[in-house]
Each structure stands twice: as structure tokens, then as C-alpha cells.
């Protein structure tokens, strides 16, 4: 029997709520999409997340691609973030 370890993250940025959330396949990173950008978190430590700015369009979808890169997008476009 395996026991899952849970960890809580405060992903609030003062811009409302995250519009999308995705964990990497290895479970080591978390990507969150916002109105104005994408945050990349290392879930193994409490380091400040990386921030990637975007245009005025909200990042309503984030996903990890094969190889660990991150894609973010909305109904108008998709882009690679990291």
C-alpha cells in the first residue's frame, strides 16, 4: 500500500483565481495560467515561481509537452512558454 503525500500551494497572485493548472508528468513542476501570464513552480521546494508575461488575453489552458516544455493558450492562440 502506498501513501500519497499532499502539499498545499498558495497560488494566489492578487489577480483573482488561476484559470488553468497542470502538473508535469514526473510531478516535479506545476504550471498555472492567469490573466496576464503563466507561472512555473518547482513543487519540491518553496522557491518563488518563474513568471512568463503574456498579452492581454488570459491563459485559459496550460499543459506540459513531451520533453518538459510548457504550452499555454486560449481560444486565439497557443504558445510555448518554457
Protein backbone atom coordinates (compact mmCIF):
# COMPACT_ATOMS: atom_id res chain seq x y z
CA UNK A 1 0.00 0.00 0.00
CA UNK A 2 1.43 3.36 -0.98
CA UNK A 3 0.65 6.57 0.82
CA UNK A 4 0.24 9.81 -1.11
CA UNK A 5 1.96 12.89 0.23
CA UNK A 6 -0.13 16.02 -0.15
CA UNK A 7 1.26 19.53 -0.26
CA UNK A 8 -0.70 22.75 -0.45
CA UNK A 9 0.40 25.69 -2.60
CA UNK A 10 -0.76 29.26 -2.31
CA UNK A 11 -1.03 30.19 -5.98
CA UNK A 12 -2.95 33.42 -5.44
CA UNK A 13 -1.47 36.43 -7.23
CA UNK A 14 -3.97 39.11 -6.38
CA UNK A 15 -5.39 38.72 -9.90
CA UNK A 16 -8.28 36.51 -8.97
CA UNK A 17 -8.03 32.79 -9.44
CA UNK A 18 -5.86 30.64 -11.65
CA UNK A 19 -7.62 29.82 -14.91
CA UNK A 20 -5.73 26.57 -15.51
CA UNK A 21 -3.39 24.24 -13.64
CA UNK A 22 -1.20 21.36 -14.88
CA UNK A 23 1.39 19.08 -13.25
CA UNK A 24 4.38 17.77 -15.18
CA UNK A 25 4.48 14.03 -15.88
CA UNK A 26 7.15 13.50 -13.21
CA UNK A 27 5.18 15.54 -10.67
CA UNK A 28 8.07 17.94 -10.03
CA UNK A 29 6.63 21.07 -11.65
CA UNK A 30 3.31 22.86 -11.68
CA UNK A 31 2.16 25.36 -14.32
CA UNK A 32 -0.64 27.83 -13.62
CA UNK A 33 -2.34 30.06 -16.21
CA UNK A 34 -3.59 33.54 -15.33
CA UNK A 35 -4.90 36.73 -16.92
CA UNK A 36 -1.54 38.12 -17.91
CA UNK A 37 0.81 35.17 -17.85
CA UNK A 38 1.93 31.76 -16.71
CA UNK A 39 3.68 30.73 -13.50
CA UNK A 40 6.04 27.74 -13.33
CA UNK A 41 6.54 26.20 -9.88
CA UNK A 42 9.09 23.69 -8.61
CA UNK A 43 6.89 21.71 -6.21
CA UNK A 44 9.90 20.17 -4.44
CA UNK A 45 10.78 23.42 -2.69
CA UNK A 46 9.35 26.79 -1.68
CA UNK A 47 11.22 28.82 -4.32
CA UNK A 48 9.43 31.74 -5.91
CA UNK A 49 7.79 30.62 -9.17
CA UNK A 50 9.02 31.74 -12.58
CA UNK A 51 6.66 34.17 -14.33
CA UNK A 52 6.13 34.45 -18.08
CA UNK A 53 4.20 37.54 -19.20
CA UNK A 54 1.58 37.34 -21.90
CA UNK A 55 -0.56 39.80 -23.80
CA UNK A 56 -3.97 40.89 -22.59
CA UNK A 57 -5.50 37.51 -23.43
CA UNK A 58 -5.93 35.17 -20.44
CA UNK A 59 -4.03 31.88 -20.39
CA UNK A 60 -7.05 29.60 -20.10
CA UNK A 61 -5.06 26.41 -20.81
CA UNK A 62 -1.62 25.24 -19.70
CA UNK A 63 -0.09 21.83 -20.43
CA UNK A 64 3.28 20.12 -20.24
CA UNK A 65 4.60 18.89 -23.59
CA UNK A 66 6.81 15.85 -24.11
CA UNK A 67 10.31 16.85 -23.07
CA UNK A 68 9.06 19.07 -20.26
CA UNK A 69 8.29 22.29 -22.14
CA UNK A 70 5.10 24.15 -21.30
CA UNK A 71 2.41 25.27 -23.72
CA UNK A 72 -0.15 27.91 -22.82
CA UNK A 73 -3.05 29.25 -24.79
CA UNK A 74 -6.59 30.39 -25.17
CA UNK A 75 -9.17 30.41 -27.92
CA UNK A 76 -7.00 32.69 -30.14
CA UNK A 77 -3.51 31.17 -29.94
CA UNK A 78 -1.16 28.60 -28.37
CA UNK A 79 2.48 29.32 -27.48
CA UNK A 80 5.45 27.59 -25.88
CA UNK A 81 6.40 29.20 -22.60
CA UNK A 82 9.47 27.40 -21.27
